[in-house]
Amino acid sequence: MNTAVQPETTAPAAADAPCVYYDGACPLCSREIAAYQRARGGDTLQWVDASGCSAAELGPQLPRDKALARLHVRLPDGRLVSGARAFVAVWQQLPAFRGLALLARLPGATLVMEGLYRAFLAVRPLWRARTTPAAQAPLWPPALRRELRTDHAGEAGAVMIYRGVLAMSRDADVRAFARQHLHTEQAHLALFEAVVPPAERSRLLPLWRVAGWLTGALPALFGPRAVYATIEAVETFVDAHYAAQTALIDALPAPASETTDTGIGPPRTLPALRSLLENCRLDEVAHREDAGGRLGLGEAQAPRRGAMALRAWVAMVSAGSAAAVRVSRHV
């Protein structure tokens, strides 16, 4: 790996905003970049994952091997800076990090930063993912990446809902229902594990798992009707959630260049991603209809007492699902 300081070069301005080139196959690098992207001002920068982008996206005078070796930033005037100077260029755009940019102005500070960065680069191969650029997931638009983070968090919670049901219910029909749909939710979670890199997943996953388990376990204590009503409410929300995401994809502009999707591994094109989301939505609709059908069979014999409590619980589940999505988009 080449860790020498790269000289500044001049190239035609690539865009009105600085463009950051980073190594998305490095887990630690990805986590740091994700923090910058989420920070206020992150949307004023352009972000290019050098491990998965096309050569054209790297622009002039930046071969892929150099882009992967060090952090690079192309400034609005076309100059290309790397290493410590690239970090300073990023920090200057983010209000929360401008203090670091000011510290970098102190005499000798940039040299010290560069030395520390070289030390990091020396040990980085120990944990950098051993993958080829072709195997990397594409860099989806920021709004879509936030939505995919909510999907991963939601499917992680859905798995725990059914585990909560199985932990508390002793009803044979309820347990068969939960086992069947748990299998589907586990398959969904595996799909989103491949689509959403670890660095971009919700940092509140432990909370979502606990909340999911309680969402399944608590109604299971009160019998099949409460379980089926809960699942019907959750899946009604998820149906609308996935439908909104496919509509978001439909509204996105077509990519400048076509990418071939082999059908092996995670989706690499928007149509393939849309198909994945739509297939998941249809599975969730099937879950809702199954739960609704089972709930309807017992409605005539259901006692009126407790009906208001169940309606309140269902409303709380729906509101909680919406709140969890809002939080997961950002945390």
C-alpha atoms as a PDB file:
ATOM      1  CA  MET A   1       0.000   0.000   0.000  1.00  0.00           C
ATOM      2  CA  ASN A   2       1.404   3.403  -0.937  1.00  0.00           C
ATOM      3  CA  THR A   3       1.384   5.672   2.116  1.00  0.00           C
ATOM      4  CA  ALA A   4       3.496   8.493   0.726  1.00  0.00           C
ATOM      5  CA  VAL A   5       2.024  11.976   0.794  1.00  0.00           C
ATOM      6  CA  GLN A   6       0.378  12.587  -2.555  1.00  0.00           C
ATOM      7  CA  PRO A   7       1.231  15.921  -4.188  1.00  0.00           C
ATOM      8  CA  GLU A   8      -1.569  18.340  -4.875  1.00  0.00           C
ATOM      9  CA  THR A   9      -2.612  18.268  -8.488  1.00  0.00           C
ATOM     10  CA  THR A  10      -4.813  20.509 -10.516  1.00  0.00           C
ATOM     11  CA  ALA A  11      -7.792  19.312 -12.524  1.00  0.00           C
ATOM     12  CA  PRO A  12     -10.962  20.890 -13.878  1.00  0.00           C
ATOM     13  CA  ALA A  13     -13.552  21.430 -11.166  1.00  0.00           C
ATOM     14  CA  ALA A  14     -15.622  18.265 -10.859  1.00  0.00           C
ATOM     15  CA  ALA A  15     -18.526  19.902  -9.020  1.00  0.00           C
ATOM     16  CA  ASP A  16     -19.517  22.926  -6.980  1.00  0.00           C
ATOM     17  CA  ALA A  17     -18.914  21.042  -3.729  1.00  0.00           C
ATOM     18  CA  PRO A  18     -15.844  19.159  -2.465  1.00  0.00           C
ATOM     19  CA  CYS A  19     -15.879  15.474  -3.404  1.00  0.00           C
ATOM     20  CA  VAL A  20     -14.621  12.917  -0.880  1.00  0.00           C
ATOM     21  CA  TYR A  21     -13.120   9.623  -2.082  1.00  0.00           C
ATOM     22  CA  TYR A  22     -12.926   6.951   0.621  1.00  0.00           C
ATOM     23  CA  ASP A  23     -12.388   3.198   0.964  1.00  0.00           C
ATOM     24  CA  GLY A  24     -15.762   1.638   1.724  1.00  0.00           C
ATOM     25  CA  ALA A  25     -14.190  -1.818   2.125  1.00  0.00           C
ATOM     26  CA  CYS A  26     -12.403  -0.659   5.288  1.00  0.00           C
ATOM     27  CA  PRO A  27     -14.826  -1.101   8.234  1.00  0.00           C
ATOM     28  CA  LEU A  28     -13.248   1.614  10.383  1.00  0.00           C
ATOM     29  CA  CYS A  29     -13.036   4.039   7.444  1.00  0.00           C
ATOM     30  CA  SER A  30     -16.703   3.391   6.617  1.00  0.00           C
ATOM     31  CA  ARG A  31     -17.780   4.090  10.193  1.00  0.00           C
ATOM     32  CA  GLU A  32     -15.926   7.402  10.234  1.00  0.00           C
ATOM     33  CA  ILE A  33     -17.299   8.439   6.849  1.00  0.00           C
ATOM     34  CA  ALA A  34     -20.817   7.462   7.946  1.00  0.00           C
ATOM     35  CA  ALA A  35     -20.428   9.769  10.974  1.00  0.00           C
ATOM     36  CA  TYR A  36     -19.404  12.636   8.688  1.00  0.00           C
ATOM     37  CA  GLN A  37     -22.309  11.941   6.338  1.00  0.00           C
ATOM     38  CA  ARG A  38     -24.820  12.011   9.190  1.00  0.00           C
ATOM     39  CA  ALA A  39     -23.379  15.207  10.655  1.00  0.00           C
ATOM     40  CA  ARG A  40     -24.892  18.592   9.893  1.00  0.00           C
ATOM     41  CA  GLY A  41     -23.350  19.791   6.654  1.00  0.00           C
ATOM     42  CA  GLY A  42     -22.688  16.252   5.428  1.00  0.00           C
ATOM     43  CA  ASP A  43     -25.039  16.791   2.537  1.00  0.00           C
ATOM     44  CA  THR A  44     -22.886  19.676   1.282  1.00  0.00           C
ATOM     45  CA  LEU A  45     -20.174  17.207   0.297  1.00  0.00           C
ATOM     46  CA  GLN A  46     -20.124  14.594  -2.446  1.00  0.00           C
ATOM     47  CA  TRP A  47     -19.192  11.066  -1.352  1.00  0.00           C
ATOM     48  CA  VAL A  48     -17.642   8.410  -3.581  1.00  0.00           C
ATOM     49  CA  ASP A  49     -16.796   4.896  -2.370  1.00  0.00           C
ATOM     50  CA  ALA A  50     -13.585   4.157  -4.270  1.00  0.00           C
ATOM     51  CA  SER A  51     -13.932   0.425  -3.629  1.00  0.00           C
ATOM     52  CA  GLY A  52     -17.185   0.136  -5.572  1.00  0.00           C
ATOM     53  CA  CYS A  53     -17.485   3.066  -7.971  1.00  0.00           C
ATOM     54  CA  SER A  54     -16.684   3.217 -11.660  1.00  0.00           C
ATOM     55  CA  ALA A  55     -13.388   4.613 -12.930  1.00  0.00           C
ATOM     56  CA  ALA A  56     -15.263   7.599 -14.352  1.00  0.00           C
ATOM     57  CA  GLU A  57     -16.548   8.531 -10.890  1.00  0.00           C
ATOM     58  CA  LEU A  58     -12.985   8.791  -9.602  1.00  0.00           C
ATOM     59  CA  GLY A  59     -12.300  11.598 -12.039  1.00  0.00           C
ATOM     60  CA  PRO A  60      -8.989  12.763 -13.489  1.00  0.00           C
ATOM     61  CA  GLN A  61      -5.585  12.027 -11.941  1.00  0.00           C
ATOM     62  CA  LEU A  62      -6.984   9.641  -9.317  1.00  0.00           C
ATOM     63  CA  PRO A  63      -6.350   5.952 -10.107  1.00  0.00           C
ATOM     64  CA  ARG A  64      -8.296   3.487  -7.971  1.00  0.00           C
ATOM     65  CA  ASP A  65      -5.209   2.172  -6.178  1.00  0.00           C
ATOM     66  CA  LYS A  66      -4.354   5.682  -4.936  1.00  0.00           C
ATOM     67  CA  ALA A  67      -7.962   6.366  -3.987  1.00  0.00           C
ATOM     68  CA  LEU A  68      -8.022   3.183  -1.902  1.00  0.00           C
ATOM     69  CA  ALA A  69      -4.633   3.867  -0.341  1.00  0.00           C
ATOM     70  CA  ARG A  70      -5.523   7.211   1.233  1.00  0.00           C
ATOM     71  CA  LEU A  71      -8.457   9.539   1.822  1.00  0.00           C
ATOM     72  CA  HIS A  72      -8.718  12.054  -1.033  1.00  0.00           C
ATOM     73  CA  VAL A  73     -10.791  15.206  -1.499  1.00  0.00           C
ATOM     74  CA  ARG A  74     -11.242  17.030  -4.784  1.00  0.00           C
ATOM     75  CA  LEU A  75     -11.809  20.709  -4.006  1.00  0.00           C
ATOM     76  CA  PRO A  76     -14.233  22.871  -6.004  1.00  0.00           C
ATOM     77  CA  ASP A  77     -11.331  24.435  -7.907  1.00  0.00           C
ATOM     78  CA  GLY A  78     -10.203  20.977  -9.062  1.00  0.00           C
ATOM     79  CA  ARG A  79      -7.243  20.562  -6.714  1.00  0.00           C
ATOM     80  CA  LEU A  80      -6.827  17.064  -5.285  1.00  0.00           C
ATOM     81  CA  VAL A  81      -5.598  16.770  -1.693  1.00  0.00           C
ATOM     82  CA  SER A  82      -5.048  13.642   0.374  1.00  0.00           C
ATOM     83  CA  GLY A  83      -4.211  12.437   3.866  1.00  0.00           C
ATOM     84  CA  ALA A  84      -4.304  14.988   6.676  1.00  0.00           C
ATOM     85  CA  ARG A  85      -5.142  17.831   4.307  1.00  0.00           C
ATOM     86  CA  ALA A  86      -8.137  15.843   3.030  1.00  0.00           C
ATOM     87  CA  PHE A  87      -9.478  15.409   6.567  1.00  0.00           C
ATOM     88  CA  VAL A  88      -9.101  19.138   7.184  1.00  0.00           C
ATOM     89  CA  ALA A  89     -11.017  19.852   3.959  1.00  0.00           C
ATOM     90  CA  VAL A  90     -13.866  17.639   5.211  1.00  0.00           C
ATOM     91  CA  TRP A  91     -13.880  19.127   8.719  1.00  0.00           C
ATOM     92  CA  GLN A  92     -14.130  22.650   7.320  1.00  0.00           C
ATOM     93  CA  GLN A  93     -17.510  21.751   5.806  1.00  0.00           C
ATOM     94  CA  LEU A  94     -18.980  20.274   9.004  1.00  0.00           C
ATOM     95  CA  PRO A  95     -19.861  22.672  11.853  1.00  0.00           C
ATOM     96  CA  ALA A  96     -19.332  19.999  14.515  1.00  0.00           C
ATOM     97  CA  PHE A  97     -15.769  19.364  13.325  1.00  0.00           C
ATOM     98  CA  ARG A  98     -14.603  22.897  12.559  1.00  0.00           C
ATOM     99  CA  GLY A  99     -12.755  23.013  15.868  1.00  0.00           C
ATOM    100  CA  LEU A 100     -10.469  20.267  14.559  1.00  0.00           C
ATOM    101  CA  ALA A 101      -9.964  22.234  11.360  1.00  0.00           C
ATOM    102  CA  LEU A 102      -8.881  25.244  13.439  1.00  0.00           C
ATOM    103  CA  LEU A 103      -6.454  23.118  15.454  1.00  0.00           C
ATOM    104  CA  ALA A 104      -4.910  21.934  12.196  1.00  0.00           C
ATOM    105  CA  ARG A 105      -3.818  25.526  11.527  1.00  0.00           C
ATOM    106  CA  LEU A 106      -1.420  25.460  14.477  1.00  0.00           C
ATOM    107  CA  PRO A 107       2.266  25.240  13.475  1.00  0.00           C
ATOM    108  CA  GLY A 108       3.252  21.639  12.873  1.00  0.00           C
ATOM    109  CA  ALA A 109      -0.257  20.262  13.542  1.00  0.00           C
ATOM    110  CA  THR A 110      -0.772  19.000   9.993  1.00  0.00           C
ATOM    111  CA  LEU A 111       2.589  17.194  10.065  1.00  0.00           C
ATOM    112  CA  VAL A 112       1.641  15.451  13.312  1.00  0.00           C
ATOM    113  CA  MET A 113      -1.749  14.491  11.871  1.00  0.00           C
ATOM    114  CA  GLU A 114      -0.083  13.142   8.750  1.00  0.00           C
ATOM    115  CA  GLY A 115       2.283  11.019  10.849  1.00  0.00           C
ATOM    116  CA  LEU A 116      -0.601   9.561  12.846  1.00  0.00           C
ATOM    117  CA  TYR A 117      -2.526   8.871   9.642  1.00  0.00           C
ATOM    118  CA  ARG A 118       0.461   7.015   8.141  1.00  0.00           C
ATOM    119  CA  ALA A 119       0.664   4.898  11.299  1.00  0.00           C
ATOM    120  CA  PHE A 120      -3.007   4.014  10.883  1.00  0.00           C
ATOM    121  CA  LEU A 121      -2.472   3.110   7.221  1.00  0.00           C
ATOM    122  CA  ALA A 122       0.350   0.770   8.225  1.00  0.00           C
ATOM    123  CA  VAL A 123      -1.972  -1.397  10.332  1.00  0.00           C
ATOM    124  CA  ARG A 124      -5.166  -0.933   8.345  1.00  0.00           C
ATOM    125  CA  PRO A 125      -4.633  -4.052   6.140  1.00  0.00           C
ATOM    126  CA  LEU A 126      -5.115  -6.194   9.263  1.00  0.00           C
ATOM    127  CA  TRP A 127      -8.873  -5.579   9.211  1.00  0.00           C
ATOM    128  CA  ARG A 128      -9.655  -4.132   5.799  1.00  0.00           C
ATOM    129  CA  ALA A 129     -12.203  -6.365   4.020  1.00  0.00           C
ATOM    130  CA  ARG A 130     -10.555  -8.580   1.426  1.00  0.00           C
ATOM    131  CA  THR A 131     -12.963  -7.899  -1.394  1.00  0.00           C
ATOM    132  CA  THR A 132     -12.667  -6.748  -4.953  1.00  0.00           C
ATOM    133  CA  PRO A 133     -14.324  -3.583  -6.258  1.00  0.00           C
ATOM    134  CA  ALA A 134     -16.835  -5.619  -8.257  1.00  0.00           C
ATOM    135  CA  ALA A 135     -18.053  -7.308  -5.087  1.00  0.00           C
ATOM    136  CA  GLN A 136     -18.849  -4.067  -3.292  1.00  0.00           C
ATOM    137  CA  ALA A 137     -22.418  -2.903  -2.835  1.00  0.00           C
ATOM    138  CA  PRO A 138     -23.301   0.239  -4.773  1.00  0.00           C
ATOM    139  CA  LEU A 139     -23.490   3.627  -3.123  1.00  0.00           C
ATOM    140  CA  TRP A 140     -27.216   4.366  -3.120  1.00  0.00           C
ATOM    141  CA  PRO A 141     -28.506   7.969  -2.874  1.00  0.00           C
ATOM    142  CA  PRO A 142     -28.419   9.249   0.748  1.00  0.00           C
ATOM    143  CA  ALA A 143     -32.212   9.308   1.154  1.00  0.00           C
ATOM    144  CA  LEU A 144     -32.468   5.706  -0.024  1.00  0.00           C
ATOM    145  CA  ARG A 145     -29.620   4.598   2.224  1.00  0.00           C
ATOM    146  CA  ARG A 146     -31.474   6.042   5.211  1.00  0.00           C
ATOM    147  CA  GLU A 147     -34.571   4.098   4.206  1.00  0.00           C
ATOM    148  CA  LEU A 148     -32.602   0.876   3.842  1.00  0.00           C
ATOM    149  CA  ARG A 149     -31.242   1.382   7.349  1.00  0.00           C
ATOM    150  CA  THR A 150     -34.826   1.460   8.630  1.00  0.00           C
ATOM    151  CA  ASP A 151     -35.572  -1.761   6.718  1.00  0.00           C
ATOM    152  CA  HIS A 152     -32.638  -3.560   8.307  1.00  0.00           C
ATOM    153  CA  ALA A 153     -33.657  -2.346  11.756  1.00  0.00           C
ATOM    154  CA  GLY A 154     -37.282  -3.276  11.091  1.00  0.00           C
ATOM    155  CA  GLU A 155     -36.488  -6.800   9.957  1.00  0.00           C
ATOM    156  CA  ALA A 156     -34.220  -7.292  12.980  1.00  0.00           C
ATOM    157  CA  GLY A 157     -37.146  -6.242  15.158  1.00  0.00           C
ATOM    158  CA  ALA A 158     -39.580  -8.459  13.220  1.00  0.00           C
ATOM    159  CA  VAL A 159     -37.457 -11.530  13.876  1.00  0.00           C
ATOM    160  CA  MET A 160     -37.605 -10.728  17.582  1.00  0.00           C
ATOM    161  CA  ILE A 161     -41.388 -10.235  17.505  1.00  0.00           C
ATOM    162  CA  TYR A 162     -41.910 -13.844  16.502  1.00  0.00           C
ATOM    163  CA  ARG A 163     -39.277 -15.044  18.948  1.00  0.00           C
ATOM    164  CA  GLY A 164     -41.142 -13.184  21.671  1.00  0.00           C
ATOM    165  CA  VAL A 165     -44.379 -14.917  20.658  1.00  0.00           C
ATOM    166  CA  LEU A 166     -42.692 -18.321  20.725  1.00  0.00           C
ATOM    167  CA  ALA A 167     -41.159 -17.592  24.120  1.00  0.00           C
ATOM    168  CA  MET A 168     -44.517 -16.838  25.760  1.00  0.00           C
ATOM    169  CA  SER A 169     -47.293 -18.599  23.852  1.00  0.00           C
ATOM    170  CA  ARG A 170     -48.209 -22.230  24.443  1.00  0.00           C
ATOM    171  CA  ASP A 171     -51.053 -22.229  21.899  1.00  0.00           C
ATOM    172  CA  ALA A 172     -50.219 -24.757  19.159  1.00  0.00           C
ATOM    173  CA  ASP A 173     -51.778 -22.719  16.346  1.00  0.00           C
ATOM    174  CA  VAL A 174     -50.081 -19.507  17.438  1.00  0.00           C
ATOM    175  CA  ARG A 175     -46.712 -21.250  17.661  1.00  0.00           C
ATOM    176  CA  ALA A 176     -47.102 -22.767  14.198  1.00  0.00           C
ATOM    177  CA  PHE A 177     -48.060 -19.324  12.858  1.00  0.00           C
ATOM    178  CA  ALA A 178     -45.036 -17.710  14.528  1.00  0.00           C
ATOM    179  CA  ARG A 179     -42.570 -20.358  13.332  1.00  0.00           C
ATOM    180  CA  GLN A 180     -43.777 -20.060   9.746  1.00  0.00           C
ATOM    181  CA  HIS A 181     -43.463 -16.285   9.610  1.00  0.00           C
ATOM    182  CA  LEU A 182     -40.243 -16.207  11.635  1.00  0.00           C
ATOM    183  CA  HIS A 183     -38.602 -18.160   8.814  1.00  0.00           C
ATOM    184  CA  THR A 184     -39.637 -15.498   6.281  1.00  0.00           C
ATOM    185  CA  GLU A 185     -38.478 -12.616   8.472  1.00  0.00           C
ATOM    186  CA  GLN A 186     -35.101 -14.300   8.994  1.00  0.00           C
ATOM    187  CA  ALA A 187     -34.742 -14.536   5.209  1.00  0.00           C
ATOM    188  CA  HIS A 188     -35.613 -10.833   4.892  1.00  0.00           C
ATOM    189  CA  LEU A 189     -33.047  -9.913   7.530  1.00  0.00           C
ATOM    190  CA  ALA A 190     -30.373 -11.882   5.671  1.00  0.00           C
ATOM    191  CA  LEU A 191     -31.184  -9.922   2.501  1.00  0.00           C
ATOM    192  CA  PHE A 192     -30.777  -6.585   4.247  1.00  0.00           C
ATOM    193  CA  GLU A 193     -27.614  -7.753   6.017  1.00  0.00           C
ATOM    194  CA  ALA A 194     -26.142  -7.998   2.507  1.00  0.00           C
ATOM    195  CA  VAL A 195     -27.576  -4.668   1.333  1.00  0.00           C
ATOM    196  CA  VAL A 196     -26.771  -2.457   4.348  1.00  0.00           C
ATOM    197  CA  PRO A 197     -23.074  -2.328   5.357  1.00  0.00           C
ATOM    198  CA  PRO A 198     -22.389  -2.679   9.108  1.00  0.00           C
ATOM    199  CA  ALA A 199     -21.192   0.923   9.318  1.00  0.00           C
ATOM    200  CA  GLU A 200     -24.549   2.183   8.036  1.00  0.00           C
ATOM    201  CA  ARG A 201     -26.849   0.130  10.261  1.00  0.00           C
ATOM    202  CA  SER A 202     -28.799   1.703  13.086  1.00  0.00           C
ATOM    203  CA  ARG A 203     -26.761   2.156  16.224  1.00  0.00           C
ATOM    204  CA  LEU A 204     -29.896   1.376  18.231  1.00  0.00           C
ATOM    205  CA  LEU A 205     -30.231  -2.223  17.032  1.00  0.00           C
ATOM    206  CA  PRO A 206     -30.124  -3.612  20.614  1.00  0.00           C
ATOM    207  CA  LEU A 207     -33.080  -1.366  21.482  1.00  0.00           C
ATOM    208  CA  TRP A 208     -35.051  -2.414  18.392  1.00  0.00           C
ATOM    209  CA  ARG A 209     -34.454  -6.087  19.208  1.00  0.00           C
ATOM    210  CA  VAL A 210     -35.715  -5.667  22.771  1.00  0.00           C
ATOM    211  CA  ALA A 211     -38.706  -3.637  21.566  1.00  0.00           C
ATOM    212  CA  GLY A 212     -39.492  -6.317  18.969  1.00  0.00           C
ATOM    213  CA  TRP A 213     -39.328  -9.121  21.515  1.00  0.00           C
ATOM    214  CA  LEU A 214     -41.685  -7.253  23.861  1.00  0.00           C
ATOM    215  CA  THR A 215     -44.051  -6.506  20.967  1.00  0.00           C
ATOM    216  CA  GLY A 216     -44.406 -10.242  20.435  1.00  0.00           C
ATOM    217  CA  ALA A 217     -44.162 -11.473  24.019  1.00  0.00           C
ATOM    218  CA  LEU A 218     -46.666  -9.150  25.695  1.00  0.00           C
ATOM    219  CA  PRO A 219     -49.693  -9.938  23.485  1.00  0.00           C
ATOM    220  CA  ALA A 220     -48.785 -13.634  23.631  1.00  0.00           C
ATOM    221  CA  LEU A 221     -49.525 -13.491  27.357  1.00  0.00           C
ATOM    222  CA  PHE A 222     -53.121 -12.510  26.549  1.00  0.00           C
ATOM    223  CA  GLY A 223     -53.904 -15.134  23.944  1.00  0.00           C
ATOM    224  CA  PRO A 224     -54.110 -15.690  20.179  1.00  0.00           C
ATOM    225  CA  ARG A 225     -56.435 -12.770  19.454  1.00  0.00           C
ATOM    226  CA  ALA A 226     -53.934 -10.254  20.848  1.00  0.00           C
ATOM    227  CA  VAL A 227     -51.092 -11.841  18.869  1.00  0.00           C
ATOM    228  CA  TYR A 228     -52.944 -11.788  15.558  1.00  0.00           C
ATOM    229  CA  ALA A 229     -54.165  -8.208  16.086  1.00  0.00           C
ATOM    230  CA  THR A 230     -50.582  -7.128  16.818  1.00  0.00           C
ATOM    231  CA  ILE A 231     -49.176  -8.780  13.718  1.00  0.00           C
ATOM    232  CA  GLU A 232     -51.951  -7.338  11.562  1.00  0.00           C
ATOM    233  CA  ALA A 233     -51.143  -3.820  12.846  1.00  0.00           C
ATOM    234  CA  VAL A 234     -47.389  -4.215  12.353  1.00  0.00           C
ATOM    235  CA  GLU A 235     -47.732  -5.607   8.840  1.00  0.00           C
ATOM    236  CA  THR A 236     -50.212  -2.903   7.824  1.00  0.00           C
ATOM    237  CA  PHE A 237     -47.569  -0.336   8.700  1.00  0.00           C
ATOM    238  CA  VAL A 238     -44.771  -2.291   6.969  1.00  0.00           C
ATOM    239  CA  ASP A 239     -46.847  -2.658   3.788  1.00  0.00           C
ATOM    240  CA  ALA A 240     -47.189   1.121   3.534  1.00  0.00           C
ATOM    241  CA  HIS A 241     -43.529   1.619   4.475  1.00  0.00           C
ATOM    242  CA  TYR A 242     -42.190  -0.624   1.691  1.00  0.00           C
ATOM    243  CA  ALA A 243     -44.674   0.863  -0.792  1.00  0.00           C
ATOM    244  CA  ALA A 244     -43.356   4.350  -0.028  1.00  0.00           C
ATOM    245  CA  GLN A 245     -39.814   3.161  -0.651  1.00  0.00           C
ATOM    246  CA  THR A 246     -40.609   1.659  -4.040  1.00  0.00           C
ATOM    247  CA  ALA A 247     -42.302   4.962  -4.908  1.00  0.00           C
ATOM    248  CA  LEU A 248     -39.107   6.747  -3.850  1.00  0.00           C
ATOM    249  CA  ILE A 249     -37.063   4.575  -6.213  1.00  0.00           C
ATOM    250  CA  ASP A 250     -39.542   5.221  -9.033  1.00  0.00           C
ATOM    251  CA  ALA A 251     -39.061   8.968  -8.513  1.00  0.00           C
ATOM    252  CA  LEU A 252     -35.258   8.825  -8.664  1.00  0.00           C
ATOM    253  CA  PRO A 253     -33.587   9.899 -11.927  1.00  0.00           C
ATOM    254  CA  ALA A 254     -32.202   7.129 -14.098  1.00  0.00           C
ATOM    255  CA  PRO A 255     -28.441   6.543 -13.559  1.00  0.00           C
ATOM    256  CA  ALA A 256     -26.086   8.105 -16.075  1.00  0.00           C
ATOM    257  CA  SER A 257     -24.645   4.703 -16.936  1.00  0.00           C
ATOM    258  CA  GLU A 258     -26.213   1.272 -16.812  1.00  0.00           C
ATOM    259  CA  THR A 259     -24.887  -1.263 -14.301  1.00  0.00           C
ATOM    260  CA  THR A 260     -25.224  -4.959 -14.901  1.00  0.00           C
ATOM    261  CA  ASP A 261     -26.942  -6.875 -12.127  1.00  0.00           C
ATOM    262  CA  THR A 262     -25.879 -10.509 -12.197  1.00  0.00           C
ATOM    263  CA  GLY A 263     -28.587 -11.624  -9.795  1.00  0.00           C
ATOM    264  CA  ILE A 264     -25.882 -13.079  -7.551  1.00  0.00           C
ATOM    265  CA  GLY A 265     -25.392 -11.396  -4.190  1.00  0.00           C
ATOM    266  CA  PRO A 266     -26.968  -8.089  -3.141  1.00  0.00           C
ATOM    267  CA  PRO A 267     -28.744  -5.958  -5.760  1.00  0.00           C
ATOM    268  CA  ARG A 268     -26.533  -3.534  -7.660  1.00  0.00           C
ATOM    269  CA  THR A 269     -29.149  -1.619  -9.640  1.00  0.00           C
ATOM    270  CA  LEU A 270     -32.202   0.382  -8.604  1.00  0.00           C
ATOM    271  CA  PRO A 271     -34.608  -1.944 -10.473  1.00  0.00           C
ATOM    272  CA  ALA A 272     -33.131  -4.952  -8.664  1.00  0.00           C
ATOM    273  CA  LEU A 273     -33.377  -3.172  -5.318  1.00  0.00           C
ATOM    274  CA  ARG A 274     -36.968  -2.189  -6.075  1.00  0.00           C
ATOM    275  CA  SER A 275     -37.771  -5.812  -6.842  1.00  0.00           C
ATOM    276  CA  LEU A 276     -36.275  -6.893  -3.511  1.00  0.00           C
ATOM    277  CA  LEU A 277     -38.362  -4.342  -1.610  1.00  0.00           C
ATOM    278  CA  GLU A 278     -41.532  -5.269  -3.477  1.00  0.00           C
ATOM    279  CA  ASN A 279     -41.018  -8.978  -2.813  1.00  0.00           C
ATOM    280  CA  CYS A 280     -40.541  -8.242   0.878  1.00  0.00           C
ATOM    281  CA  ARG A 281     -43.688  -6.104   0.856  1.00  0.00           C
ATOM    282  CA  LEU A 282     -45.728  -8.906  -0.664  1.00  0.00           C
ATOM    283  CA  ASP A 283     -44.456 -11.309   1.997  1.00  0.00           C
ATOM    284  CA  GLU A 284     -45.533  -8.869   4.703  1.00  0.00           C
ATOM    285  CA  VAL A 285     -48.964  -8.489   3.083  1.00  0.00           C
ATOM    286  CA  ALA A 286     -49.313 -12.279   3.206  1.00  0.00           C
ATOM    287  CA  HIS A 287     -48.429 -12.188   6.924  1.00  0.00           C
ATOM    288  CA  ARG A 288     -51.058  -9.507   7.504  1.00  0.00           C
ATOM    289  CA  GLU A 289     -53.740 -11.413   5.640  1.00  0.00           C
ATOM    290  CA  ASP A 290     -52.900 -14.605   7.507  1.00  0.00           C
ATOM    291  CA  ALA A 291     -53.115 -12.818  10.857  1.00  0.00           C
ATOM    292  CA  GLY A 292     -56.295 -10.978   9.830  1.00  0.00           C
ATOM    293  CA  GLY A 293     -57.956 -14.166   8.713  1.00  0.00           C
ATOM    294  CA  ARG A 294     -57.159 -15.913  11.989  1.00  0.00           C
ATOM    295  CA  LEU A 295     -58.293 -12.861  13.937  1.00  0.00           C
ATOM    296  CA  GLY A 296     -61.601 -12.755  12.058  1.00  0.00           C
ATOM    297  CA  LEU A 297     -62.370 -16.388  12.906  1.00  0.00           C
ATOM    298  CA  GLY A 298     -62.482 -15.547  16.585  1.00  0.00           C
ATOM    299  CA  GLU A 299     -64.173 -12.164  16.450  1.00  0.00           C
ATOM    300  CA  ALA A 300     -67.720 -13.481  16.889  1.00  0.00           C
ATOM    301  CA  GLN A 301     -66.775 -15.339  20.064  1.00  0.00           C
ATOM    302  CA  ALA A 302     -64.479 -12.617  21.390  1.00  0.00           C
ATOM    303  CA  PRO A 303     -65.635 -11.055  24.672  1.00  0.00           C
ATOM    304  CA  ARG A 304     -66.308  -7.340  24.580  1.00  0.00           C
ATOM    305  CA  ARG A 305     -64.267  -6.749  27.701  1.00  0.00           C
ATOM    306  CA  GLY A 306     -60.719  -6.040  26.790  1.00  0.00           C
ATOM    307  CA  ALA A 307     -61.634  -4.805  23.313  1.00  0.00           C
ATOM    308  CA  MET A 308     -60.774  -1.216  24.173  1.00  0.00           C
ATOM    309  CA  ALA A 309     -57.466  -2.265  25.704  1.00  0.00           C
ATOM    310  CA  LEU A 310     -56.599  -4.241  22.581  1.00  0.00           C
ATOM    311  CA  ARG A 311     -57.457  -1.287  20.343  1.00  0.00           C
ATOM    312  CA  ALA A 312     -55.243   0.945  22.474  1.00  0.00           C
ATOM    313  CA  TRP A 313     -52.408  -1.589  22.270  1.00  0.00           C
ATOM    314  CA  VAL A 314     -52.729  -1.849  18.488  1.00  0.00           C
ATOM    315  CA  ALA A 315     -52.666   1.950  18.163  1.00  0.00           C
ATOM    316  CA  MET A 316     -49.558   2.078  20.333  1.00  0.00           C
ATOM    317  CA  VAL A 317     -47.847  -0.591  18.212  1.00  0.00           C
ATOM    318  CA  SER A 318     -48.594   1.366  15.020  1.00  0.00           C
ATOM    319  CA  ALA A 319     -47.361   4.642  16.519  1.00  0.00           C
ATOM    320  CA  GLY A 320     -44.270   2.933  17.902  1.00  0.00           C
ATOM    321  CA  SER A 321     -43.432   1.445  14.508  1.00  0.00           C
ATOM    322  CA  ALA A 322     -43.633   4.865  12.888  1.00  0.00           C
ATOM    323  CA  ALA A 323     -41.483   6.441  15.616  1.00  0.00           C
ATOM    324  CA  ALA A 324     -38.851   3.701  15.306  1.00  0.00           C
ATOM    325  CA  VAL A 325     -38.601   4.319  11.554  1.00  0.00           C
ATOM    326  CA  ARG A 326     -38.123   8.056  12.087  1.00  0.00           C
ATOM    327  CA  VAL A 327     -35.344   7.492  14.606  1.00  0.00           C
ATOM    328  CA  SER A 328     -33.633   4.743  12.563  1.00  0.00           C
ATOM    329  CA  ARG A 329     -33.291   7.056   9.574  1.00  0.00           C
ATOM    330  CA  HIS A 330     -30.810   9.127  11.577  1.00  0.00           C
ATOM    331  CA  VAL A 331     -29.398   6.914  14.346  1.00  0.00           C
END
